[in-house]
Amino acid sequence: QVQLVESGGGSVQAGDSLRLSCAASGYVYHTYCMAWFRQAPGKEREWVARINPDSIRYYADSVKGRFTISQDKSRNTRYLQMNRLKPEETGMYYCAAGGLCTSNPTHFDYWGQGTQVAVSS
């Protein structure tokens, strides 16, 4: 059973930074693609970034140059470093793991419980 646990969310002001973590257990590190999604109240879940087992990274256009996805193989943990945060990026942030490395949330089989990010202006 794959388990994902996010942490690192919080309340910050616009322009601040946060680093989210996603600790994984129950699967072999190099098997899955891992992604971050976010969901604002009343909106659909939105893809933010993903990293495949070969450490190739992809980002949504809205976060390019500000967000960085990374992974620590020894800890089986992925991170999302978020810089210059904007109020419209407030929402619940989820990490997900799956065999298909795309931006489509339906392609991810495992999800964490989410961590809340609130950005005030």
Protein backbone atom coordinates (compact mmCIF):
# COMPACT_ATOMS: atom_id res chain seq x y z
CA GLN A 1 0.00 0.00 0.00
CA VAL A 2 1.45 3.33 -1.08
CA GLN A 3 1.15 6.14 1.41
CA LEU A 4 1.93 9.80 0.84
CA VAL A 5 2.09 12.37 3.61
CA GLU A 6 2.43 16.07 2.85
CA SER A 7 3.70 18.73 5.21
CA GLY A 8 5.05 22.25 5.14
CA GLY A 9 1.96 24.28 4.38
CA GLY A 10 1.12 27.44 6.24
CA SER A 11 0.04 31.05 6.08
CA VAL A 12 2.39 33.50 4.43
CA GLN A 13 2.31 36.88 2.77
CA ALA A 14 2.58 37.51 -0.92
CA GLY A 15 6.18 37.25 -2.05
CA ASP A 16 7.15 34.81 0.69
CA SER A 17 8.40 31.25 0.25
CA LEU A 18 7.33 27.84 1.49
CA ARG A 19 8.75 24.37 1.03
CA LEU A 20 6.31 21.50 0.92
CA SER A 21 7.37 17.93 1.58
CA CYS A 22 5.82 14.66 0.50
CA ALA A 23 7.05 11.59 2.36
CA ALA A 24 6.32 8.33 0.60
CA SER A 25 6.22 4.79 1.86
CA GLY A 26 5.20 1.41 0.55
CA TYR A 27 6.66 1.60 -2.95
CA VAL A 28 9.94 1.42 -4.79
CA TYR A 29 11.35 4.84 -5.40
CA HIS A 30 12.08 4.53 -9.10
CA THR A 31 8.70 3.12 -10.05
CA TYR A 32 6.47 6.13 -9.94
CA CYS A 33 6.13 9.59 -11.27
CA MET A 34 5.35 12.09 -8.51
CA ALA A 35 3.43 15.32 -8.94
CA TRP A 36 2.06 18.25 -7.00
CA PHE A 37 -1.45 19.53 -7.56
CA ARG A 38 -3.37 22.29 -5.87
CA GLN A 39 -7.02 23.07 -5.43
CA ALA A 40 -8.52 26.38 -4.47
CA PRO A 41 -12.00 26.55 -2.92
CA GLY A 42 -14.64 26.11 -5.58
CA LYS A 43 -12.12 25.33 -8.31
CA GLU A 44 -10.88 22.20 -10.02
CA ARG A 45 -7.68 20.50 -9.02
CA GLU A 46 -4.79 22.05 -10.92
CA TRP A 47 -1.49 20.45 -11.82
CA VAL A 48 1.57 22.37 -10.56
CA ALA A 49 4.69 20.28 -11.20
CA ARG A 50 5.86 16.71 -11.69
CA ILE A 51 9.08 14.75 -11.60
CA ASN A 52 9.57 11.39 -13.25
CA PRO A 53 11.73 8.51 -12.04
CA ASP A 54 14.63 9.84 -14.14
CA SER A 55 14.37 13.17 -12.31
CA ILE A 56 13.08 15.04 -15.35
CA ARG A 57 10.96 17.94 -14.18
CA TYR A 58 7.95 19.68 -15.66
CA TYR A 59 6.14 22.78 -14.45
CA ALA A 60 2.89 24.54 -15.11
CA ASP A 61 3.51 27.81 -16.94
CA SER A 62 2.13 29.78 -14.02
CA VAL A 63 4.87 28.58 -11.66
CA LYS A 64 7.90 28.31 -13.94
CA GLY A 65 10.86 30.18 -12.53
CA ARG A 66 9.34 30.36 -9.05
CA PHE A 67 8.67 26.76 -8.02
CA THR A 68 11.13 23.88 -7.92
CA ILE A 69 10.27 20.21 -7.53
CA SER A 70 12.96 17.92 -6.21
CA GLN A 71 13.46 14.55 -4.59
CA ASP A 72 15.64 12.94 -1.98
CA LYS A 73 16.10 9.30 -2.87
CA SER A 74 17.55 8.35 0.49
CA ARG A 75 14.43 9.63 2.27
CA ASN A 76 11.90 8.74 -0.42
CA THR A 77 10.66 12.28 -0.11
CA ARG A 78 9.75 14.87 -2.71
CA TYR A 79 9.71 18.58 -2.21
CA LEU A 80 8.10 21.61 -3.73
CA GLN A 81 10.00 24.82 -3.11
CA MET A 82 7.64 27.73 -3.74
CA ASN A 83 9.07 31.22 -4.05
CA ARG A 84 7.38 34.58 -4.63
CA LEU A 85 4.01 33.18 -3.71
CA LYS A 86 0.87 34.95 -4.90
CA PRO A 87 -2.53 35.25 -3.19
CA GLU A 88 -4.21 33.36 -6.03
CA GLU A 89 -2.04 30.36 -5.17
CA THR A 90 -3.91 29.83 -1.95
CA GLY A 91 -5.36 26.35 -1.68
CA MET A 92 -4.82 22.77 -0.67
CA TYR A 93 -1.67 21.27 -2.09
CA TYR A 94 -1.56 17.55 -2.78
CA CYS A 95 1.19 15.22 -3.81
CA ALA A 96 0.35 12.26 -5.98
CA ALA A 97 2.14 9.21 -7.36
CA GLY A 98 1.35 7.21 -10.45
CA GLY A 99 2.72 5.20 -13.32
CA LEU A 100 1.84 7.71 -16.05
CA CYS A 101 3.78 10.96 -15.83
CA THR A 102 1.31 13.56 -17.07
CA SER A 103 -0.53 16.60 -15.78
CA ASN A 104 -3.84 14.73 -15.68
CA PRO A 105 -4.89 13.97 -12.10
CA THR A 106 -6.77 10.86 -13.23
CA HIS A 107 -3.44 9.29 -14.17
CA PHE A 108 -2.26 9.28 -10.58
CA ASP A 109 -3.18 6.36 -8.38
CA TYR A 110 -2.09 7.54 -4.97
CA TRP A 111 -2.75 10.81 -3.18
CA GLY A 112 -1.80 12.40 0.08
CA GLN A 113 -4.23 14.14 2.38
CA GLY A 114 -3.04 17.59 1.36
CA THR A 115 -1.42 20.51 3.11
CA GLN A 116 -3.02 23.96 3.22
CA VAL A 117 -1.27 27.01 1.82
CA ALA A 118 -2.70 30.47 2.44
CA VAL A 119 -1.14 33.51 0.83
CA SER A 120 -2.34 36.92 1.94
CA SER A 121 -1.85 40.14 0.05
